[in-house]
Amino acid sequence: MTKTNRYFICLLLSGVLLYYAVPRLTINSPGLEGYFSIAWLLFALMVIAGNLTGLLYTPSKKKKQQTGSYKVRKGVKSRSYH
């Protein structure tokens, strides 16, 4: 599985978790329940932001692999003995 697929699957799963959790979380309730709801939503948003960042900023594969048996290395001089 490639990184792009993994980021996309994680985004979908976090969206499903938010879909089921948001109606059940009560942010306005006093005490520990309200703090837990706010913390859970903040962590969920961090997960979504991290996966979106990973999905949007993954380097693309622009470089093609050479088909020959010899690979050219840049910056390395070939050695010749006379």
Protein backbone atom coordinates (compact mmCIF):
# COMPACT_ATOMS: atom_id res chain seq x y z
CA MET A 1 0.00 0.00 0.00
CA THR A 2 1.41 3.37 -0.90
CA LYS A 3 1.59 6.35 1.42
CA THR A 4 -1.07 8.19 -0.55
CA ASN A 5 -3.55 5.35 -0.11
CA ARG A 6 -2.75 5.12 3.60
CA TYR A 7 -3.34 8.86 4.12
CA PHE A 8 -6.61 8.67 2.20
CA ILE A 9 -7.85 5.66 4.21
CA CYS A 10 -6.92 7.39 7.48
CA LEU A 11 -8.84 10.49 6.39
CA LEU A 12 -11.90 8.42 5.57
CA LEU A 13 -11.76 6.57 8.89
CA SER A 14 -11.33 9.76 10.88
CA GLY A 15 -14.29 11.25 9.01
CA VAL A 16 -16.40 8.22 9.95
CA LEU A 17 -15.33 8.54 13.59
CA LEU A 18 -16.27 12.21 13.59
CA TYR A 19 -19.61 11.41 11.95
CA TYR A 20 -20.53 9.04 14.78
CA ALA A 21 -18.92 10.96 17.65
CA VAL A 22 -20.02 14.57 17.12
CA PRO A 23 -23.73 14.00 17.92
CA ARG A 24 -22.79 12.14 21.11
CA LEU A 25 -20.22 14.65 22.42
CA THR A 26 -21.52 17.45 24.61
CA ILE A 27 -19.15 20.39 24.59
CA ASN A 28 -21.36 22.62 26.75
CA SER A 29 -21.60 20.25 29.72
CA PRO A 30 -19.69 21.32 32.82
CA GLY A 31 -16.85 19.34 34.29
CA LEU A 32 -14.85 16.45 32.99
CA GLU A 33 -17.32 15.49 30.26
CA GLY A 34 -17.00 18.87 28.55
CA TYR A 35 -13.20 18.81 28.78
CA PHE A 36 -13.12 15.31 27.32
CA SER A 37 -15.35 16.36 24.41
CA ILE A 38 -13.18 19.35 23.57
CA ALA A 39 -9.96 17.33 23.85
CA TRP A 40 -11.37 14.53 21.68
CA LEU A 41 -12.43 16.97 18.97
CA LEU A 42 -9.04 18.72 19.05
CA PHE A 43 -7.19 15.42 18.69
CA ALA A 44 -9.49 14.39 15.84
CA LEU A 45 -8.83 17.67 14.04
CA MET A 46 -5.08 17.18 14.53
CA VAL A 47 -5.34 13.73 12.97
CA ILE A 48 -7.23 15.12 9.98
CA ALA A 49 -4.79 18.02 9.59
CA GLY A 50 -1.79 15.69 9.75
CA ASN A 51 -3.19 13.31 7.18
CA LEU A 52 -4.20 16.15 4.86
CA THR A 53 -0.71 17.61 5.15
CA GLY A 54 0.83 14.25 4.36
CA LEU A 55 -1.51 13.73 1.44
CA LEU A 56 -0.99 17.17 -0.08
CA TYR A 57 2.78 17.44 0.41
CA THR A 58 4.00 13.99 -0.60
CA PRO A 59 6.72 14.24 -3.25
CA SER A 60 5.60 13.11 -6.65
CA LYS A 61 7.58 10.57 -8.64
CA LYS A 62 8.81 12.66 -11.56
CA LYS A 63 12.04 10.83 -12.14
CA LYS A 64 11.91 7.83 -14.45
CA GLN A 65 14.15 4.87 -13.84
CA GLN A 66 16.69 4.17 -16.53
CA THR A 67 16.12 1.08 -18.60
CA GLY A 68 19.79 0.34 -19.40
CA SER A 69 22.06 -1.90 -17.41
CA TYR A 70 24.38 0.99 -16.54
CA LYS A 71 23.14 3.66 -14.19
CA VAL A 72 24.60 7.11 -14.45
CA ARG A 73 25.55 8.70 -11.14
CA LYS A 74 25.75 12.46 -11.03
CA GLY A 75 28.81 14.00 -9.49
CA VAL A 76 30.87 10.81 -9.53
CA LYS A 77 33.77 10.70 -11.97
CA SER A 78 34.67 7.45 -13.60
CA ARG A 79 38.11 6.19 -12.78
CA SER A 80 40.51 5.37 -15.52
CA TYR A 81 43.97 3.95 -15.03
CA HIS A 82 46.52 4.61 -17.74
